[in-house]
Amino acid sequence: MKGARNLLSGVLLLIGVVWFLQGVGVLPGSFMTGDIRWAVAGIVSAAVGIGLWRYNRDREN
């Protein structure tokens, strides 16, 4: 189960970074480019991914 949570946290972090970069216009070529809502969604997604990763790390100790 811990491995699945680690995988999910990595996917959430990666998706969050992509959404953020598209939302601020760094990664062009999508309907999300330049839309601040996607930047905010990316920040939230990345924060959840980091939080889940830290939760898994803290549970090991």
PDB file of N, CA and C in Angstrom:
ATOM      1  N   MET A   1       0.816  -1.192   0.000  1.00  0.00           N
ATOM      2  CA  MET A   1       0.000   0.000   0.000  1.00  0.00           C
ATOM      3  C   MET A   1       0.862   1.259   0.000  1.00  0.00           C
ATOM      4  N   LYS A   2       1.994   1.216   0.705  1.00  0.00           N
ATOM      5  CA  LYS A   2       2.877   2.371   0.761  1.00  0.00           C
ATOM      6  C   LYS A   2       3.443   2.672  -0.621  1.00  0.00           C
ATOM      7  N   GLY A   3       3.740   1.647  -1.388  1.00  0.00           N
ATOM      8  CA  GLY A   3       4.254   1.839  -2.737  1.00  0.00           C
ATOM      9  C   GLY A   3       3.237   2.522  -3.640  1.00  0.00           C
ATOM     10  N   ALA A   4       1.977   2.152  -3.484  1.00  0.00           N
ATOM     11  CA  ALA A   4       0.914   2.790  -4.272  1.00  0.00           C
ATOM     12  C   ALA A   4       0.770   4.258  -3.893  1.00  0.00           C
ATOM     13  N   ARG A   5       0.885   4.565  -2.616  1.00  0.00           N
ATOM     14  CA  ARG A   5       0.804   5.968  -2.187  1.00  0.00           C
ATOM     15  C   ARG A   5       1.995   6.765  -2.691  1.00  0.00           C
ATOM     16  N   ASN A   6       3.168   6.146  -2.709  1.00  0.00           N
ATOM     17  CA  ASN A   6       4.345   6.826  -3.250  1.00  0.00           C
ATOM     18  C   ASN A   6       4.180   7.094  -4.746  1.00  0.00           C
ATOM     19  N   LEU A   7       3.654   6.131  -5.478  1.00  0.00           N
ATOM     20  CA  LEU A   7       3.408   6.317  -6.899  1.00  0.00           C
ATOM     21  C   LEU A   7       2.385   7.425  -7.128  1.00  0.00           C
ATOM     22  N   LEU A   8       1.307   7.401  -6.361  1.00  0.00           N
ATOM     23  CA  LEU A   8       0.280   8.431  -6.489  1.00  0.00           C
ATOM     24  C   LEU A   8       0.835   9.809  -6.161  1.00  0.00           C
ATOM     25  N   SER A   9       1.663   9.896  -5.143  1.00  0.00           N
ATOM     26  CA  SER A   9       2.228  11.199  -4.786  1.00  0.00           C
ATOM     27  C   SER A   9       3.143  11.715  -5.903  1.00  0.00           C
ATOM     28  N   GLY A  10       3.903  10.848  -6.525  1.00  0.00           N
ATOM     29  CA  GLY A  10       4.759  11.252  -7.631  1.00  0.00           C
ATOM     30  C   GLY A  10       3.958  11.703  -8.843  1.00  0.00           C
ATOM     31  N   VAL A  11       2.887  10.991  -9.142  1.00  0.00           N
ATOM     32  CA  VAL A  11       2.031  11.369 -10.268  1.00  0.00           C
ATOM     33  C   VAL A  11       1.361  12.713  -9.999  1.00  0.00           C
ATOM     34  N   LEU A  12       0.848  12.905  -8.791  1.00  0.00           N
ATOM     35  CA  LEU A  12       0.223  14.182  -8.449  1.00  0.00           C
ATOM     36  C   LEU A  12       1.213  15.333  -8.544  1.00  0.00           C
ATOM     37  N   LEU A  13       2.424  15.112  -8.089  1.00  0.00           N
ATOM     38  CA  LEU A  13       3.451  16.148  -8.168  1.00  0.00           C
ATOM     39  C   LEU A  13       3.793  16.475  -9.621  1.00  0.00           C
ATOM     40  N   LEU A  14       3.984  15.454 -10.436  1.00  0.00           N
ATOM     41  CA  LEU A  14       4.318  15.672 -11.840  1.00  0.00           C
ATOM     42  C   LEU A  14       3.184  16.388 -12.580  1.00  0.00           C
ATOM     43  N   ILE A  15       1.962  15.937 -12.380  1.00  0.00           N
ATOM     44  CA  ILE A  15       0.812  16.582 -13.015  1.00  0.00           C
ATOM     45  C   ILE A  15       0.692  18.029 -12.543  1.00  0.00           C
ATOM     46  N   GLY A  16       0.907  18.244 -11.259  1.00  0.00           N
ATOM     47  CA  GLY A  16       0.822  19.594 -10.725  1.00  0.00           C
ATOM     48  C   GLY A  16       1.836  20.531 -11.347  1.00  0.00           C
ATOM     49  N   VAL A  17       3.046  20.057 -11.531  1.00  0.00           N
ATOM     50  CA  VAL A  17       4.086  20.889 -12.140  1.00  0.00           C
ATOM     51  C   VAL A  17       3.720  21.207 -13.596  1.00  0.00           C
ATOM     52  N   VAL A  18       3.252  20.211 -14.339  1.00  0.00           N
ATOM     53  CA  VAL A  18       2.861  20.441 -15.732  1.00  0.00           C
ATOM     54  C   VAL A  18       1.701  21.428 -15.806  1.00  0.00           C
ATOM     55  N   TRP A  19       0.682  21.232 -14.975  1.00  0.00           N
ATOM     56  CA  TRP A  19      -0.466  22.150 -14.983  1.00  0.00           C
ATOM     57  C   TRP A  19      -0.035  23.563 -14.634  1.00  0.00           C
ATOM     58  N   PHE A  20       0.847  23.698 -13.647  1.00  0.00           N
ATOM     59  CA  PHE A  20       1.309  25.025 -13.264  1.00  0.00           C
ATOM     60  C   PHE A  20       2.050  25.697 -14.419  1.00  0.00           C
ATOM     61  N   LEU A  21       2.967  24.958 -15.033  1.00  0.00           N
ATOM     62  CA  LEU A  21       3.741  25.538 -16.129  1.00  0.00           C
ATOM     63  C   LEU A  21       2.856  25.898 -17.320  1.00  0.00           C
ATOM     64  N   GLN A  22       1.832  25.100 -17.592  1.00  0.00           N
ATOM     65  CA  GLN A  22       0.905  25.442 -18.660  1.00  0.00           C
ATOM     66  C   GLN A  22       0.049  26.643 -18.268  1.00  0.00           C
ATOM     67  N   GLY A  23      -0.352  26.701 -17.031  1.00  0.00           N
ATOM     68  CA  GLY A  23      -1.192  27.804 -16.574  1.00  0.00           C
ATOM     69  C   GLY A  23      -0.505  29.148 -16.619  1.00  0.00           C
ATOM     70  N   VAL A  24       0.806  29.170 -16.383  1.00  0.00           N
ATOM     71  CA  VAL A  24       1.535  30.436 -16.432  1.00  0.00           C
ATOM     72  C   VAL A  24       2.113  30.713 -17.817  1.00  0.00           C
ATOM     73  N   GLY A  25       1.898  29.797 -18.767  1.00  0.00           N
ATOM     74  CA  GLY A  25       2.291  30.028 -20.147  1.00  0.00           C
ATOM     75  C   GLY A  25       3.673  29.564 -20.531  1.00  0.00           C
ATOM     76  N   VAL A  26       4.331  28.800 -19.681  1.00  0.00           N
ATOM     77  CA  VAL A  26       5.675  28.314 -19.998  1.00  0.00           C
ATOM     78  C   VAL A  26       5.625  27.141 -20.973  1.00  0.00           C
ATOM     79  N   LEU A  27       4.643  26.256 -20.812  1.00  0.00           N
ATOM     80  CA  LEU A  27       4.455  25.126 -21.728  1.00  0.00           C
ATOM     81  C   LEU A  27       3.270  25.440 -22.645  1.00  0.00           C
ATOM     82  N   PRO A  28       3.533  25.891 -23.864  1.00  0.00           N
ATOM     83  CA  PRO A  28       2.433  26.259 -24.755  1.00  0.00           C
ATOM     84  C   PRO A  28       1.839  25.048 -25.476  1.00  0.00           C
ATOM     85  N   GLY A  29       0.738  25.294 -26.181  1.00  0.00           N
ATOM     86  CA  GLY A  29       0.170  24.269 -27.048  1.00  0.00           C
ATOM     87  C   GLY A  29      -1.019  23.541 -26.476  1.00  0.00           C
ATOM     88  N   SER A  30      -1.691  24.117 -25.510  1.00  0.00           N
ATOM     89  CA  SER A  30      -2.824  23.461 -24.887  1.00  0.00           C
ATOM     90  C   SER A  30      -3.890  24.506 -24.575  1.00  0.00           C
ATOM     91  N   PHE A  31      -5.117  24.037 -24.385  1.00  0.00           N
ATOM     92  CA  PHE A  31      -6.183  24.950 -23.974  1.00  0.00           C
ATOM     93  C   PHE A  31      -5.919  25.514 -22.581  1.00  0.00           C
ATOM     94  N   MET A  32      -5.012  24.894 -21.834  1.00  0.00           N
ATOM     95  CA  MET A  32      -4.692  25.355 -20.483  1.00  0.00           C
ATOM     96  C   MET A  32      -3.659  26.477 -20.477  1.00  0.00           C
ATOM     97  N   THR A  33      -2.985  26.702 -21.598  1.00  0.00           N
ATOM     98  CA  THR A  33      -1.901  27.681 -21.664  1.00  0.00           C
ATOM     99  C   THR A  33      -2.412  29.080 -21.354  1.00  0.00           C
ATOM    100  N   GLY A  34      -1.792  29.708 -20.394  1.00  0.00           N
ATOM    101  CA  GLY A  34      -2.120  31.078 -20.034  1.00  0.00           C
ATOM    102  C   GLY A  34      -3.357  31.237 -19.178  1.00  0.00           C
ATOM    103  N   ASP A  35      -3.942  30.149 -18.706  1.00  0.00           N
ATOM    104  CA  ASP A  35      -5.143  30.210 -17.867  1.00  0.00           C
ATOM    105  C   ASP A  35      -4.725  30.017 -16.405  1.00  0.00           C
ATOM    106  N   ILE A  36      -4.872  31.064 -15.617  1.00  0.00           N
ATOM    107  CA  ILE A  36      -4.394  31.059 -14.230  1.00  0.00           C
ATOM    108  C   ILE A  36      -5.078  29.981 -13.382  1.00  0.00           C
ATOM    109  N   ARG A  37      -6.287  29.580 -13.764  1.00  0.00           N
ATOM    110  CA  ARG A  37      -6.975  28.518 -13.005  1.00  0.00           C
ATOM    111  C   ARG A  37      -6.166  27.224 -13.017  1.00  0.00           C
ATOM    112  N   TRP A  38      -5.506  26.940 -14.140  1.00  0.00           N
ATOM    113  CA  TRP A  38      -4.692  25.731 -14.215  1.00  0.00           C
ATOM    114  C   TRP A  38      -3.422  25.867 -13.395  1.00  0.00           C
ATOM    115  N   ALA A  39      -2.900  27.070 -13.291  1.00  0.00           N
ATOM    116  CA  ALA A  39      -1.733  27.288 -12.437  1.00  0.00           C
ATOM    117  C   ALA A  39      -2.092  27.021 -10.980  1.00  0.00           C
ATOM    118  N   VAL A  40      -3.269  27.506 -10.566  1.00  0.00           N
ATOM    119  CA  VAL A  40      -3.723  27.275  -9.187  1.00  0.00           C
ATOM    120  C   VAL A  40      -3.986  25.790  -8.957  1.00  0.00           C
ATOM    121  N   ALA A  41      -4.643  25.140  -9.911  1.00  0.00           N
ATOM    122  CA  ALA A  41      -4.896  23.695  -9.789  1.00  0.00           C
ATOM    123  C   ALA A  41      -3.581  22.928  -9.713  1.00  0.00           C
ATOM    124  N   GLY A  42      -2.573  23.379 -10.444  1.00  0.00           N
ATOM    125  CA  GLY A  42      -1.264  22.734 -10.398  1.00  0.00           C
ATOM    126  C   GLY A  42      -0.594  22.870  -9.052  1.00  0.00           C
ATOM    127  N   ILE A  43      -0.707  24.056  -8.462  1.00  0.00           N
ATOM    128  CA  ILE A  43      -0.135  24.267  -7.129  1.00  0.00           C
ATOM    129  C   ILE A  43      -0.816  23.353  -6.111  1.00  0.00           C
ATOM    130  N   VAL A  44      -2.141  23.269  -6.195  1.00  0.00           N
ATOM    131  CA  VAL A  44      -2.886  22.412  -5.260  1.00  0.00           C
ATOM    132  C   VAL A  44      -2.502  20.952  -5.456  1.00  0.00           C
ATOM    133  N   SER A  45      -2.447  20.503  -6.698  1.00  0.00           N
ATOM    134  CA  SER A  45      -2.091  19.114  -6.988  1.00  0.00           C
ATOM    135  C   SER A  45      -0.685  18.786  -6.496  1.00  0.00           C
ATOM    136  N   ALA A  46       0.252  19.674  -6.754  1.00  0.00           N
ATOM    137  CA  ALA A  46       1.631  19.448  -6.309  1.00  0.00           C
ATOM    138  C   ALA A  46       1.706  19.438  -4.785  1.00  0.00           C
ATOM    139  N   ALA A  47       0.958  20.316  -4.133  1.00  0.00           N
ATOM    140  CA  ALA A  47       0.968  20.358  -2.669  1.00  0.00           C
ATOM    141  C   ALA A  47       0.396  19.076  -2.083  1.00  0.00           C
ATOM    142  N   VAL A  48      -0.655  18.553  -2.682  1.00  0.00           N
ATOM    143  CA  VAL A  48      -1.226  17.285  -2.208  1.00  0.00           C
ATOM    144  C   VAL A  48      -0.221  16.147  -2.421  1.00  0.00           C
ATOM    145  N   GLY A  49       0.455  16.148  -3.560  1.00  0.00           N
ATOM    146  CA  GLY A  49       1.472  15.131  -3.827  1.00  0.00           C
ATOM    147  C   GLY A  49       2.609  15.177  -2.823  1.00  0.00           C
ATOM    148  N   ILE A  50       3.076  16.380  -2.514  1.00  0.00           N
ATOM    149  CA  ILE A  50       4.144  16.531  -1.525  1.00  0.00           C
ATOM    150  C   ILE A  50       3.652  16.117  -0.143  1.00  0.00           C
ATOM    151  N   GLY A  51       2.444  16.515   0.190  1.00  0.00           N
ATOM    152  CA  GLY A  51       1.876  16.138   1.489  1.00  0.00           C
ATOM    153  C   GLY A  51       1.741  14.631   1.639  1.00  0.00           C
ATOM    154  N   LEU A  52       1.292  13.964   0.588  1.00  0.00           N
ATOM    155  CA  LEU A  52       1.158  12.507   0.631  1.00  0.00           C
ATOM    156  C   LEU A  52       2.520  11.838   0.753  1.00  0.00           C
ATOM    157  N   TRP A  53       3.508  12.375   0.039  1.00  0.00           N
ATOM    158  CA  TRP A  53       4.853  11.817   0.131  1.00  0.00           C
ATOM    159  C   TRP A  53       5.413  11.985   1.549  1.00  0.00           C
ATOM    160  N   ARG A  54       5.216  13.170   2.135  1.00  0.00           N
ATOM    161  CA  ARG A  54       5.710  13.402   3.506  1.00  0.00           C
ATOM    162  C   ARG A  54       4.974  12.507   4.512  1.00  0.00           C
ATOM    163  N   TYR A  55       3.676  12.310   4.296  1.00  0.00           N
ATOM    164  CA  TYR A  55       2.910  11.408   5.157  1.00  0.00           C
ATOM    165  C   TYR A  55       3.501  10.005   5.108  1.00  0.00           C
ATOM    166  N   ASN A  56       3.808   9.514   3.909  1.00  0.00           N
ATOM    167  CA  ASN A  56       4.402   8.174   3.770  1.00  0.00           C
ATOM    168  C   ASN A  56       5.765   8.106   4.432  1.00  0.00           C
ATOM    169  N   ARG A  57       6.558   9.161   4.257  1.00  0.00           N
ATOM    170  CA  ARG A  57       7.899   9.179   4.838  1.00  0.00           C
ATOM    171  C   ARG A  57       7.837   9.162   6.366  1.00  0.00           C
ATOM    172  N   ASP A  58       6.914   9.945   6.931  1.00  0.00           N
ATOM    173  CA  ASP A  58       6.779  10.019   8.380  1.00  0.00           C
ATOM    174  C   ASP A  58       6.235   8.724   8.972  1.00  0.00           C
ATOM    175  N   ARG A  59       5.433   7.995   8.213  1.00  0.00           N
ATOM    176  CA  ARG A  59       4.873   6.734   8.693  1.00  0.00           C
ATOM    177  C   ARG A  59       5.924   5.640   8.788  1.00  0.00           C
ATOM    178  N   GLU A  60       7.052   5.793   8.099  1.00  0.00           N
ATOM    179  CA  GLU A  60       8.111   4.787   8.148  1.00  0.00           C
ATOM    180  C   GLU A  60       8.797   4.758   9.500  1.00  0.00           C
ATOM    181  N   ASN A  61       8.878   5.894  10.167  1.00  0.00           N
ATOM    182  CA  ASN A  61       9.605   5.994  11.438  1.00  0.00           C
ATOM    183  C   ASN A  61       8.796   5.535  12.602  1.00  0.00           C
TER     184      ASN A  61
END
